[in-house]
Amino acid sequence: MGLLKRRTSREAEIPTSSMADIAFLLLIFFLVTTTIDVDTGIYMELPPPLEEDTPPPEIPDRNILTILVNSQGDVLLEKEFVQISDIRPTVKRFVTNRGADPAFSDSPDKAIVSFKTERQSKYEQYITVLDEIKMGFNELRNDEARARGFRDYADYRNRLPEGAEDEISGEYPYRISIAEPDATNPSSEGTGA
């Protein structure tokens, strides 16, 4: 009678031996496929700091083009309301004036575009206007590069021999002054209020 053993009941189990492998594979999958957003800023080259006893340079008014974005998102160019599309051609005309029009700059190397916002101005508007100002300078550089036989300014830069001076950027330097926002409401000056 010893051949008839009583069967012992076994409890059902879930095989967990491969769970660690699966978790590890999922971890690798998400690490490989996930893109991490990186905040990108605006590239700005700041001027070197002045000595404390150095007075600020005197700049004739005709060499400064003033652009303001008020808290309502309006753009004022020399205290006149303008469309954003007017900024780029005005910047180009201002920089390339070469003393012809007394309302604009003496020469491209003296032309300064002063850009100012109010504290409540929207960031998107700030970026849009700043892009238009920079595009004005970029178009001038591209035009000059084409006049010299290059496809555009980037092509000119790529073909510059190492250590050679970038004459086009010297001729049309980015002279953009970005002032801190005012707490007051300077846009009221343009409205006649």
Foldseek 3Di string as FASTA:
>chain_A
DVVDDDDDDDDDDDDCPCVVVVVVVVVVVCVVPDDDDDDDDDDDDDDDDDPPPDDDDDADPQQEWEWEQELVRFIATVLATDDLVVLLVVLLCQAPVCPVDSNHDVHLQSHAYEYEYAPNHDPVSVVSSVVSNVVSLQVQQQVVCVVVPANGNVRVVVPDPPPDDSVSCVRHPHRYHYDYHDNDGPSVVSVVD
